[in-house]
C-alpha atoms as a PDB file:
ATOM      1  CA  MET A   1      -2.596 -19.157   8.830  1.00  0.00           C
ATOM      2  CA  ILE A   2      -0.647 -18.187   5.794  1.00  0.00           C
ATOM      3  CA  ILE A   3       2.143 -20.532   4.178  1.00  0.00           C
ATOM      4  CA  CYS A   4       4.409 -19.042   1.888  1.00  0.00           C
ATOM      5  CA  ASN A   5       6.301 -22.338   0.393  1.00  0.00           C
ATOM      6  CA  LYS A   6       9.300 -21.927  -1.839  1.00  0.00           C
ATOM      7  CA  ILE A   7       7.986 -18.807  -3.858  1.00  0.00           C
ATOM      8  CA  PHE A   8       9.951 -17.742  -6.893  1.00  0.00           C
ATOM      9  CA  LYS A   9       8.982 -14.433  -8.488  1.00  0.00           C
ATOM     10  CA  LYS A  10      10.596 -12.399 -11.235  1.00  0.00           C
ATOM     11  CA  LEU A  11       9.146  -9.302 -12.714  1.00  0.00           C
ATOM     12  CA  GLY A  12      10.697  -8.594 -15.991  1.00  0.00           C
ATOM     13  CA  SER A  13      14.231  -9.507 -15.798  1.00  0.00           C
ATOM     14  CA  LYS A  14      14.648  -8.807 -12.144  1.00  0.00           C
ATOM     15  CA  GLU A  15      14.531 -11.887  -9.743  1.00  0.00           C
ATOM     16  CA  ILE A  16      12.438 -10.485  -6.885  1.00  0.00           C
ATOM     17  CA  LEU A  17      11.816 -13.486  -4.437  1.00  0.00           C
ATOM     18  CA  ASN A  18      14.115 -16.701  -4.670  1.00  0.00           C
ATOM     19  CA  SER A  19      12.495 -19.777  -3.104  1.00  0.00           C
ATOM     20  CA  PHE A  20      10.890 -17.629  -0.218  1.00  0.00           C
ATOM     21  CA  SER A  21       9.109 -19.768   2.509  1.00  0.00           C
ATOM     22  CA  TYR A  22       7.784 -18.610   5.740  1.00  0.00           C
ATOM     23  CA  THR A  23       4.602 -19.289   7.876  1.00  0.00           C
ATOM     24  CA  PHE A  24       2.496 -16.180   9.297  1.00  0.00           C
ATOM     25  CA  SER A  25       0.523 -17.454  12.324  1.00  0.00           C
ATOM     26  CA  ILE A  26      -2.825 -16.201  13.416  1.00  0.00           C
ATOM     27  CA  ASP A  27      -3.028 -13.633  16.037  1.00  0.00           C
ATOM     28  CA  GLU A  28       0.687 -12.078  15.290  1.00  0.00           C
ATOM     29  CA  ALA A  29       1.466  -8.699  13.723  1.00  0.00           C
ATOM     30  CA  TYR A  30       4.305  -9.019  11.118  1.00  0.00           C
ATOM     31  CA  ALA A  31       6.680  -6.215   9.928  1.00  0.00           C
ATOM     32  CA  ILE A  32       8.022  -7.220   6.479  1.00  0.00           C
ATOM     33  CA  THR A  33      11.469  -5.292   6.248  1.00  0.00           C
ATOM     34  CA  GLY A  34      14.384  -4.766   3.624  1.00  0.00           C
ATOM     35  CA  ALA A  35      16.006  -2.638   1.452  1.00  0.00           C
ATOM     36  CA  ASN A  36      14.108  -0.569  -1.365  1.00  0.00           C
ATOM     37  CA  GLY A  37      13.511  -3.301  -4.175  1.00  0.00           C
ATOM     38  CA  SER A  38      13.883  -6.397  -1.797  1.00  0.00           C
ATOM     39  CA  GLY A  39      10.401  -7.674  -2.557  1.00  0.00           C
ATOM     40  CA  LYS A  40       8.248  -6.247   0.239  1.00  0.00           C
ATOM     41  CA  THR A  41       5.245  -4.974  -1.657  1.00  0.00           C
ATOM     42  CA  THR A  42       5.507  -8.030  -4.205  1.00  0.00           C
ATOM     43  CA  LEU A  43       5.414 -10.414  -1.129  1.00  0.00           C
ATOM     44  CA  LEU A  44       2.362  -8.750   0.024  1.00  0.00           C
ATOM     45  CA  ARG A  45       0.499  -8.543  -3.509  1.00  0.00           C
ATOM     46  CA  LEU A  46       1.469 -12.455  -3.604  1.00  0.00           C
ATOM     47  CA  ILE A  47       0.019 -13.099  -0.483  1.00  0.00           C
ATOM     48  CA  GLY A  48      -3.112 -11.118  -1.318  1.00  0.00           C
ATOM     49  CA  GLY A  49      -3.532 -13.014  -4.265  1.00  0.00           C
ATOM     50  CA  LEU A  50      -3.006  -9.720  -6.517  1.00  0.00           C
ATOM     51  CA  LEU A  51       0.174 -11.769  -8.194  1.00  0.00           C
ATOM     52  CA  LEU A  52       0.710 -15.091  -8.669  1.00  0.00           C
ATOM     53  CA  PRO A  53       4.288 -16.787  -8.177  1.00  0.00           C
ATOM     54  CA  ASP A  54       6.279 -17.960 -11.029  1.00  0.00           C
ATOM     55  CA  SER A  55       6.789 -21.017  -8.736  1.00  0.00           C
ATOM     56  CA  GLY A  56       5.918 -22.194  -5.298  1.00  0.00           C
ATOM     57  CA  GLU A  57       2.567 -21.584  -3.650  1.00  0.00           C
ATOM     58  CA  VAL A  58       0.635 -19.426  -1.285  1.00  0.00           C
ATOM     59  CA  LYS A  59      -1.820 -20.964   0.988  1.00  0.00           C
ATOM     60  CA  SER A  60      -4.285 -18.939   3.318  1.00  0.00           C
ATOM     61  CA  GLU A  61      -6.521 -19.272   5.378  1.00  0.00           C
ATOM     62  CA  GLY A  62      -9.408 -16.678   6.342  1.00  0.00           C
ATOM     63  CA  SER A  63     -10.470 -13.233   4.837  1.00  0.00           C
ATOM     64  CA  LEU A  64      -7.503 -10.883   3.749  1.00  0.00           C
ATOM     65  CA  ALA A  65      -7.960  -7.160   3.228  1.00  0.00           C
ATOM     66  CA  TRP A  66      -5.378  -4.801   1.385  1.00  0.00           C
ATOM     67  CA  PHE A  67      -4.358  -1.278   1.944  1.00  0.00           C
ATOM     68  CA  ALA A  68      -1.576   0.568   0.127  1.00  0.00           C
ATOM     69  CA  PHE A  69      -1.781   4.336   0.204  1.00  0.00           C
ATOM     70  CA  HIS A  70      -0.309   4.911  -3.369  1.00  0.00           C
ATOM     71  CA  SER A  71      -3.291   2.979  -4.736  1.00  0.00           C
ATOM     72  CA  ILE A  72      -6.046   4.021  -2.594  1.00  0.00           C
ATOM     73  CA  SER A  73      -9.064   5.699  -4.715  1.00  0.00           C
ATOM     74  CA  LEU A  74     -11.095   8.382  -2.718  1.00  0.00           C
ATOM     75  CA  MET A  75     -13.673  11.012  -3.981  1.00  0.00           C
ATOM     76  CA  ASP A  76     -12.217  14.644  -3.187  1.00  0.00           C
ATOM     77  CA  ARG A  77     -15.931  16.078  -3.024  1.00  0.00           C
ATOM     78  CA  LEU A  78     -17.171  13.787  -0.251  1.00  0.00           C
ATOM     79  CA  SER A  79     -16.312  13.670   3.503  1.00  0.00           C
ATOM     80  CA  GLY A  80     -14.740  10.457   4.773  1.00  0.00           C
ATOM     81  CA  LEU A  81     -17.748   9.697   6.582  1.00  0.00           C
ATOM     82  CA  ASP A  82     -19.779   9.918   3.353  1.00  0.00           C
ATOM     83  CA  GLN A  83     -17.364   7.610   1.933  1.00  0.00           C
ATOM     84  CA  ILE A  84     -17.283   5.013   4.802  1.00  0.00           C
ATOM     85  CA  ASN A  85     -21.063   4.741   4.566  1.00  0.00           C
ATOM     86  CA  ILE A  86     -20.873   4.112   0.754  1.00  0.00           C
ATOM     87  CA  TYR A  87     -18.569   1.231   1.722  1.00  0.00           C
ATOM     88  CA  LYS A  88     -20.617   0.381   4.497  1.00  0.00           C
ATOM     89  CA  LYS A  89     -23.605  -0.350   2.235  1.00  0.00           C
ATOM     90  CA  GLU A  90     -21.636  -2.456   0.040  1.00  0.00           C
ATOM     91  CA  LEU A  91     -20.169  -4.728   2.821  1.00  0.00           C
ATOM     92  CA  PHE A  92     -22.245  -4.434   5.639  1.00  0.00           C
ATOM     93  CA  ASP A  93     -23.748  -2.155   8.279  1.00  0.00           C
ATOM     94  CA  SER A  94     -23.823  -2.705  12.041  1.00  0.00           C
ATOM     95  CA  LYS A  95     -23.422  -1.366  15.262  1.00  0.00           C
ATOM     96  CA  GLU A  96     -19.930  -2.693  15.617  1.00  0.00           C
ATOM     97  CA  GLN A  97     -18.935  -0.138  12.762  1.00  0.00           C
ATOM     98  CA  THR A  98     -20.201   2.908  15.195  1.00  0.00           C
ATOM     99  CA  ASP A  99     -18.212   1.534  18.154  1.00  0.00           C
ATOM    100  CA  LYS A 100     -15.140   1.380  15.892  1.00  0.00           C
ATOM    101  CA  LEU A 101     -15.679   5.171  14.814  1.00  0.00           C
ATOM    102  CA  SER A 102     -15.513   6.079  18.300  1.00  0.00           C
ATOM    103  CA  LEU A 103     -12.350   3.969  19.149  1.00  0.00           C
ATOM    104  CA  TRP A 104     -10.994   5.367  15.626  1.00  0.00           C
ATOM    105  CA  SER A 105     -11.692   9.155  16.806  1.00  0.00           C
ATOM    106  CA  SER A 106      -8.803   9.065  19.371  1.00  0.00           C
ATOM    107  CA  LEU A 107      -6.472   9.436  16.299  1.00  0.00           C
ATOM    108  CA  GLU A 108      -5.150  12.821  15.285  1.00  0.00           C
ATOM    109  CA  GLY A 109      -7.334  14.333  12.405  1.00  0.00           C
ATOM    110  CA  PHE A 110      -9.737  11.126  12.098  1.00  0.00           C
ATOM    111  CA  LYS A 111     -12.765  13.290  13.493  1.00  0.00           C
ATOM    112  CA  GLU A 112     -11.996  16.260  11.508  1.00  0.00           C
ATOM    113  CA  MET A 113     -11.509  13.801   8.223  1.00  0.00           C
ATOM    114  CA  LEU A 114     -15.043  12.468   8.801  1.00  0.00           C
ATOM    115  CA  THR A 115     -16.710  15.693   8.433  1.00  0.00           C
ATOM    116  CA  THR A 116     -14.080  17.140   5.853  1.00  0.00           C
ATOM    117  CA  ASP A 117     -14.510  17.040   1.870  1.00  0.00           C
ATOM    118  CA  LEU A 118     -11.553  14.467   1.129  1.00  0.00           C
ATOM    119  CA  GLY A 119     -10.099  17.232  -1.244  1.00  0.00           C
ATOM    120  CA  HIS A 120      -9.307  19.463   1.816  1.00  0.00           C
ATOM    121  CA  CYS A 121      -7.705  16.678   4.030  1.00  0.00           C
ATOM    122  CA  SER A 122      -4.068  16.110   4.476  1.00  0.00           C
ATOM    123  CA  GLN A 123      -2.384  12.886   2.915  1.00  0.00           C
ATOM    124  CA  GLY A 124      -2.077  11.398   6.626  1.00  0.00           C
ATOM    125  CA  MET A 125      -6.140  11.974   6.927  1.00  0.00           C
ATOM    126  CA  LYS A 126      -6.851  10.265   3.553  1.00  0.00           C
ATOM    127  CA  ALA A 127      -4.460   7.273   4.932  1.00  0.00           C
ATOM    128  CA  LEU A 128      -6.484   7.008   8.207  1.00  0.00           C
ATOM    129  CA  LEU A 129      -9.685   6.696   5.815  1.00  0.00           C
ATOM    130  CA  GLY A 130      -7.953   4.055   3.817  1.00  0.00           C
ATOM    131  CA  LEU A 131      -6.993   2.245   6.882  1.00  0.00           C
ATOM    132  CA  TYR A 132     -10.339   2.426   7.986  1.00  0.00           C
ATOM    133  CA  ILE A 133     -12.018   1.310   5.177  1.00  0.00           C
ATOM    134  CA  SER A 134      -9.714  -1.763   4.683  1.00  0.00           C
ATOM    135  CA  THR A 135     -11.231  -3.008   8.065  1.00  0.00           C
ATOM    136  CA  LEU A 136     -14.777  -2.728   7.228  1.00  0.00           C
ATOM    137  CA  SER A 137     -15.137  -6.066   5.861  1.00  0.00           C
ATOM    138  CA  ALA A 138     -13.963  -7.426   9.326  1.00  0.00           C
ATOM    139  CA  PRO A 139     -11.115  -9.318   7.638  1.00  0.00           C
ATOM    140  CA  ASP A 140      -8.983 -12.237   9.582  1.00  0.00           C
ATOM    141  CA  THR A 141      -5.632 -10.755   8.333  1.00  0.00           C
ATOM    142  CA  LEU A 142      -4.638  -7.269   7.085  1.00  0.00           C
ATOM    143  CA  LEU A 143      -2.149  -6.645   4.378  1.00  0.00           C
ATOM    144  CA  TRP A 144      -0.830  -3.219   4.730  1.00  0.00           C
ATOM    145  CA  ASP A 145       1.744  -1.760   2.295  1.00  0.00           C
ATOM    146  CA  GLU A 146       3.682   1.132   3.939  1.00  0.00           C
ATOM    147  CA  PRO A 147       0.861   2.007   6.029  1.00  0.00           C
ATOM    148  CA  PHE A 148       2.360   4.686   8.303  1.00  0.00           C
ATOM    149  CA  SER A 149       4.411   6.670   5.650  1.00  0.00           C
ATOM    150  CA  CYS A 150       1.836   9.470   5.729  1.00  0.00           C
ATOM    151  CA  LEU A 151       0.558   9.332   9.345  1.00  0.00           C
ATOM    152  CA  SER A 152       2.089  11.635  12.358  1.00  0.00           C
ATOM    153  CA  PRO A 153       4.195   9.925  15.055  1.00  0.00           C
ATOM    154  CA  TYR A 154       1.448  10.013  17.619  1.00  0.00           C
ATOM    155  CA  ASN A 155      -1.009   8.125  15.044  1.00  0.00           C
ATOM    156  CA  GLN A 156       1.818   5.615  14.176  1.00  0.00           C
ATOM    157  CA  LYS A 157       2.602   4.626  17.705  1.00  0.00           C
ATOM    158  CA  TYR A 158      -1.106   4.693  18.567  1.00  0.00           C
ATOM    159  CA  PHE A 159      -1.586   2.140  15.401  1.00  0.00           C
ATOM    160  CA  LEU A 160       1.275  -0.160  16.346  1.00  0.00           C
ATOM    161  CA  LYS A 161      -0.074  -0.382  20.302  1.00  0.00           C
ATOM    162  CA  ASN A 162      -3.833  -0.723  19.455  1.00  0.00           C
ATOM    163  CA  TRP A 163      -3.883  -2.292  16.012  1.00  0.00           C
ATOM    164  CA  LYS A 164      -5.951  -5.389  17.309  1.00  0.00           C
ATOM    165  CA  SER A 165      -8.593  -3.375  18.781  1.00  0.00           C
ATOM    166  CA  LEU A 166      -8.601  -0.518  16.134  1.00  0.00           C
ATOM    167  CA  THR A 167      -9.030  -3.179  13.302  1.00  0.00           C
ATOM    168  CA  GLY A 168     -10.838  -6.566  14.810  1.00  0.00           C
ATOM    169  CA  ALA A 169      -8.438  -8.343  12.703  1.00  0.00           C
ATOM    170  CA  LYS A 170      -6.595 -11.396  14.090  1.00  0.00           C
ATOM    171  CA  THR A 171      -3.313 -10.909  11.862  1.00  0.00           C
ATOM    172  CA  LEU A 172      -1.469  -7.887  10.553  1.00  0.00           C
ATOM    173  CA  ILE A 173       1.232  -8.139   8.203  1.00  0.00           C
ATOM    174  CA  MET A 174       2.754  -4.934   6.898  1.00  0.00           C
ATOM    175  CA  THR A 175       5.703  -3.611   5.107  1.00  0.00           C
ATOM    176  CA  TYR A 176       7.663  -1.295   7.499  1.00  0.00           C
ATOM    177  CA  HIS A 177      10.591   0.997   7.270  1.00  0.00           C
ATOM    178  CA  GLY A 178      11.890   2.341  10.764  1.00  0.00           C
ATOM    179  CA  GLU A 179      13.267   1.319  13.947  1.00  0.00           C
ATOM    180  CA  ARG A 180      12.493  -2.126  15.005  1.00  0.00           C
ATOM    181  CA  LEU A 181       9.179  -2.995  16.346  1.00  0.00           C
ATOM    182  CA  PRO A 182       9.354  -5.030  19.485  1.00  0.00           C
ATOM    183  CA  GLU A 183       5.945  -6.009  19.198  1.00  0.00           C
ATOM    184  CA  PHE A 184       6.101  -7.332  15.737  1.00  0.00           C
ATOM    185  CA  ILE A 185       7.497 -10.177  14.399  1.00  0.00           C
ATOM    186  CA  GLU A 186      10.109  -9.259  11.961  1.00  0.00           C
ATOM    187  CA  VAL A 187      10.531 -10.836   8.599  1.00  0.00           C
ATOM    188  CA  THR A 188      13.645  -9.433   6.526  1.00  0.00           C
ATOM    189  CA  LEU A 189      13.885  -9.882   2.982  1.00  0.00           C
END
């Protein structure tokens, strides 16, 4: 469970969040929506501990993992699988990851990305790798900032339908621009 209690956040002279309160429950998927500049990314950063509120508090239980496509750092001269193996050695190594790789192989471009140097991969393939890496530590909650901006419509639909089995996470909180997602609880800023 993640509890946001009367969060106030100002960036420079701009007030981003003013007394925002919300409780994110376990075993749910949330889509944070709103206009550009409404505070979606700022809220995710506050929940993830990447920013501190000016006032109010954020309480969270369990482990968190963050993904933002604009901030991923990948090595262009290594294949996707080489990079996954680097992270696996840092985090842990298990049969569960082999099963997860097999499940993710249903996504368009994923298998190709595994064997291709990232410098030759599309932005969508790189996004898939970043999303996959965010799940390696088996977090309870995933915080994804604009996770689908580079993905094909097929991959977007597949993720929205299968996020729990793909990630193993209990809770997903993501920023989202697009049509309403009936399976997700919408939090509008």
